């Protein structure tokens, strides 16, 4: 799903995240997002970026029980 929650208000975002929590037990869900609350319910995050030399770089981070703020702060 590509930024499926981008236009949602906080109430509906929380409802959608609750649905993701239910579905995770029997499904694998791949979501493209820029929103921290969505990242924080993920089991893992993957980031894809292109370097100046044109080579794509993929990074990953296990998330269960971690907050996005903590990860960003630890990398500085």
N, C-alpha and C. Protein backbone atom coordinates (compact mmCIF):
# COMPACT_ATOMS: atom_id res chain seq x y z
N UNK A 1 0.84 -1.16 0.00
CA UNK A 1 0.00 0.00 0.00
C UNK A 1 0.90 1.24 0.00
N UNK A 2 0.65 2.13 -0.90
CA UNK A 2 1.49 3.31 -1.04
C UNK A 2 0.83 4.51 -0.36
N UNK A 3 1.34 4.87 0.81
CA UNK A 3 0.87 6.01 1.60
C UNK A 3 -0.66 6.03 1.74
N UNK A 4 -1.21 4.86 2.03
CA UNK A 4 -2.66 4.72 2.15
C UNK A 4 -3.24 5.60 3.24
N UNK A 5 -2.43 5.98 4.23
CA UNK A 5 -2.92 6.75 5.36
C UNK A 5 -2.59 8.24 5.27
N UNK A 6 -2.03 8.69 4.16
CA UNK A 6 -1.54 10.07 4.04
C UNK A 6 -2.62 11.12 4.29
N UNK A 7 -3.85 10.88 3.88
CA UNK A 7 -4.91 11.89 4.00
C UNK A 7 -5.80 11.68 5.22
N UNK A 8 -5.46 10.74 6.09
CA UNK A 8 -6.32 10.44 7.24
C UNK A 8 -6.06 11.38 8.40
N UNK A 9 -7.13 11.70 9.14
CA UNK A 9 -6.96 12.45 10.38
C UNK A 9 -6.49 11.48 11.46
N UNK A 10 -6.16 11.98 12.65
CA UNK A 10 -5.59 11.14 13.71
C UNK A 10 -6.52 10.01 14.13
N UNK A 11 -7.82 10.28 14.22
CA UNK A 11 -8.78 9.26 14.65
C UNK A 11 -8.81 8.11 13.65
N UNK A 12 -8.92 8.43 12.37
CA UNK A 12 -8.99 7.39 11.36
C UNK A 12 -7.65 6.70 11.15
N UNK A 13 -6.55 7.42 11.37
CA UNK A 13 -5.24 6.79 11.31
C UNK A 13 -5.14 5.72 12.39
N UNK A 14 -5.57 6.02 13.59
CA UNK A 14 -5.53 5.03 14.68
C UNK A 14 -6.41 3.83 14.37
N UNK A 15 -7.56 4.05 13.75
CA UNK A 15 -8.43 2.93 13.35
C UNK A 15 -7.72 2.05 12.33
N UNK A 16 -7.07 2.67 11.35
CA UNK A 16 -6.35 1.90 10.33
C UNK A 16 -5.19 1.12 10.95
N UNK A 17 -4.46 1.75 11.86
CA UNK A 17 -3.34 1.07 12.51
C UNK A 17 -3.84 -0.12 13.33
N UNK A 18 -5.01 0.02 13.95
CA UNK A 18 -5.62 -1.10 14.67
C UNK A 18 -5.93 -2.26 13.72
N UNK A 19 -6.42 -1.93 12.54
CA UNK A 19 -6.70 -2.96 11.54
C UNK A 19 -5.40 -3.65 11.11
N UNK A 20 -4.34 -2.88 10.91
CA UNK A 20 -3.05 -3.47 10.57
C UNK A 20 -2.60 -4.44 11.66
N UNK A 21 -2.78 -4.05 12.91
CA UNK A 21 -2.40 -4.92 14.05
C UNK A 21 -3.15 -6.25 13.98
N UNK A 22 -4.44 -6.20 13.65
CA UNK A 22 -5.24 -7.43 13.54
C UNK A 22 -4.76 -8.28 12.36
N UNK A 23 -4.51 -7.65 11.23
CA UNK A 23 -4.13 -8.38 10.02
C UNK A 23 -2.74 -8.99 10.10
N UNK A 24 -1.86 -8.41 10.92
CA UNK A 24 -0.47 -8.88 10.97
C UNK A 24 -0.37 -10.33 11.44
N UNK A 25 -1.38 -10.82 12.15
CA UNK A 25 -1.34 -12.20 12.66
C UNK A 25 -1.41 -13.23 11.54
N UNK A 26 -2.11 -12.90 10.44
CA UNK A 26 -2.26 -13.87 9.36
C UNK A 26 -1.80 -13.37 8.00
N UNK A 27 -1.27 -12.16 7.94
CA UNK A 27 -0.88 -11.58 6.66
C UNK A 27 0.45 -10.83 6.76
N UNK A 28 1.09 -10.69 5.63
CA UNK A 28 2.26 -9.83 5.53
C UNK A 28 1.80 -8.57 4.81
N UNK A 29 2.05 -7.42 5.40
CA UNK A 29 1.60 -6.15 4.83
C UNK A 29 2.83 -5.30 4.54
N UNK A 30 2.90 -4.78 3.34
CA UNK A 30 3.99 -3.87 2.98
C UNK A 30 3.36 -2.51 2.72
N UNK A 31 3.82 -1.51 3.47
CA UNK A 31 3.24 -0.17 3.40
C UNK A 31 4.35 0.84 3.14
N UNK A 32 4.10 1.74 2.22
CA UNK A 32 5.00 2.88 2.00
C UNK A 32 4.43 4.04 2.79
N UNK A 33 5.24 4.63 3.68
CA UNK A 33 4.74 5.69 4.55
C UNK A 33 5.83 6.69 4.91
N UNK A 34 5.38 7.86 5.33
CA UNK A 34 6.27 8.88 5.89
C UNK A 34 5.81 9.24 7.30
N UNK A 35 4.79 8.54 7.81
CA UNK A 35 4.21 8.88 9.11
C UNK A 35 4.78 8.01 10.22
N UNK A 36 5.27 8.66 11.27
CA UNK A 36 5.87 7.94 12.40
C UNK A 36 4.93 6.94 13.05
N UNK A 37 3.64 7.29 13.30
CA UNK A 37 2.77 6.29 13.93
C UNK A 37 2.67 4.99 13.14
N UNK A 38 2.65 5.08 11.82
CA UNK A 38 2.59 3.88 10.99
C UNK A 38 3.90 3.11 11.08
N UNK A 39 5.02 3.81 11.09
CA UNK A 39 6.31 3.14 11.22
C UNK A 39 6.41 2.41 12.56
N UNK A 40 5.84 2.99 13.60
CA UNK A 40 5.98 2.42 14.94
C UNK A 40 5.18 1.15 15.16
N UNK A 41 4.20 0.83 14.31
CA UNK A 41 3.49 -0.44 14.44
C UNK A 41 4.12 -1.52 13.57
N UNK A 42 5.15 -1.17 12.82
CA UNK A 42 5.80 -2.11 11.91
C UNK A 42 6.70 -3.09 12.66
N UNK A 43 6.86 -4.27 12.10
CA UNK A 43 7.84 -5.23 12.60
C UNK A 43 9.24 -4.86 12.11
N UNK A 44 9.31 -4.29 10.91
CA UNK A 44 10.59 -3.90 10.33
C UNK A 44 10.38 -2.71 9.40
N UNK A 45 11.41 -1.88 9.30
CA UNK A 45 11.41 -0.76 8.36
C UNK A 45 12.49 -0.99 7.33
N UNK A 46 12.21 -0.62 6.10
CA UNK A 46 13.19 -0.67 5.02
C UNK A 46 13.24 0.71 4.39
N UNK A 47 14.43 1.22 4.22
CA UNK A 47 14.62 2.50 3.55
C UNK A 47 15.41 2.28 2.28
N UNK A 48 14.97 2.94 1.22
CA UNK A 48 15.65 2.82 -0.07
C UNK A 48 16.04 4.22 -0.52
N UNK A 49 17.30 4.39 -0.87
CA UNK A 49 17.79 5.69 -1.31
C UNK A 49 18.79 5.50 -2.44
N UNK A 50 18.97 6.53 -3.23
CA UNK A 50 19.95 6.46 -4.30
C UNK A 50 21.13 7.37 -3.97
N UNK A 51 22.31 6.79 -4.02
CA UNK A 51 23.53 7.56 -3.76
C UNK A 51 23.84 8.48 -4.94
N UNK A 52 24.77 9.39 -4.74
CA UNK A 52 25.18 10.33 -5.80
C UNK A 52 25.71 9.63 -7.04
N UNK A 53 26.29 8.44 -6.85
CA UNK A 53 26.83 7.71 -8.00
C UNK A 53 25.79 6.85 -8.71
N UNK A 54 24.51 6.98 -8.30
CA UNK A 54 23.42 6.27 -8.97
C UNK A 54 23.14 4.88 -8.45
N UNK A 55 23.85 4.44 -7.43
CA UNK A 55 23.65 3.11 -6.87
C UNK A 55 22.59 3.18 -5.77
N UNK A 56 21.63 2.27 -5.84
CA UNK A 56 20.57 2.21 -4.84
C UNK A 56 21.07 1.51 -3.59
N UNK A 57 20.75 2.07 -2.44
CA UNK A 57 21.13 1.51 -1.16
C UNK A 57 19.87 1.19 -0.37
N UNK A 58 19.82 -0.01 0.22
CA UNK A 58 18.68 -0.43 1.04
C UNK A 58 19.18 -0.63 2.47
N UNK A 59 18.46 -0.05 3.42
CA UNK A 59 18.77 -0.25 4.83
C UNK A 59 17.55 -0.84 5.50
N UNK A 60 17.75 -1.57 6.59
CA UNK A 60 16.61 -2.16 7.31
C UNK A 60 16.83 -2.04 8.81
N UNK A 61 15.72 -2.06 9.53
CA UNK A 61 15.76 -1.96 10.99
C UNK A 61 14.57 -2.72 11.56
N UNK A 62 14.82 -3.66 12.47
CA UNK A 62 13.75 -4.32 13.20
C UNK A 62 13.10 -3.31 14.12
N UNK A 63 11.77 -3.35 14.26
CA UNK A 63 11.08 -2.31 15.00
C UNK A 63 10.35 -2.79 16.24
N UNK A 64 10.01 -4.03 16.35
CA UNK A 64 9.13 -4.48 17.44
C UNK A 64 9.55 -3.87 18.77
N UNK A 65 8.67 -3.06 19.35
CA UNK A 65 8.91 -2.48 20.66
C UNK A 65 9.78 -1.23 20.66
N UNK A 66 10.17 -0.74 19.50
CA UNK A 66 11.01 0.46 19.44
C UNK A 66 10.22 1.63 18.87
N UNK A 67 10.63 2.82 19.24
CA UNK A 67 10.02 4.03 18.71
C UNK A 67 10.94 4.63 17.64
N UNK A 68 10.34 5.21 16.63
CA UNK A 68 11.12 5.81 15.55
C UNK A 68 12.04 6.89 16.09
N UNK A 69 11.57 7.70 17.05
CA UNK A 69 12.38 8.78 17.64
C UNK A 69 13.67 8.22 18.24
N UNK A 70 13.58 7.08 18.91
CA UNK A 70 14.75 6.48 19.54
C UNK A 70 15.78 6.04 18.50
N UNK A 71 15.31 5.51 17.39
CA UNK A 71 16.23 5.06 16.34
C UNK A 71 16.93 6.22 15.68
N UNK A 72 16.19 7.27 15.40
CA UNK A 72 16.78 8.45 14.76
C UNK A 72 17.79 9.09 15.69
N UNK A 73 17.45 9.18 16.96
CA UNK A 73 18.36 9.77 17.94
C UNK A 73 19.63 8.98 18.13
N UNK A 74 19.55 7.66 18.00
CA UNK A 74 20.73 6.82 18.23
C UNK A 74 21.69 6.84 17.06
N UNK A 75 21.24 7.29 15.89
CA UNK A 75 22.12 7.28 14.73
C UNK A 75 22.90 8.58 14.58
N UNK A 76 22.67 9.55 15.45
CA UNK A 76 23.36 10.84 15.34
C UNK A 76 24.59 10.88 16.18
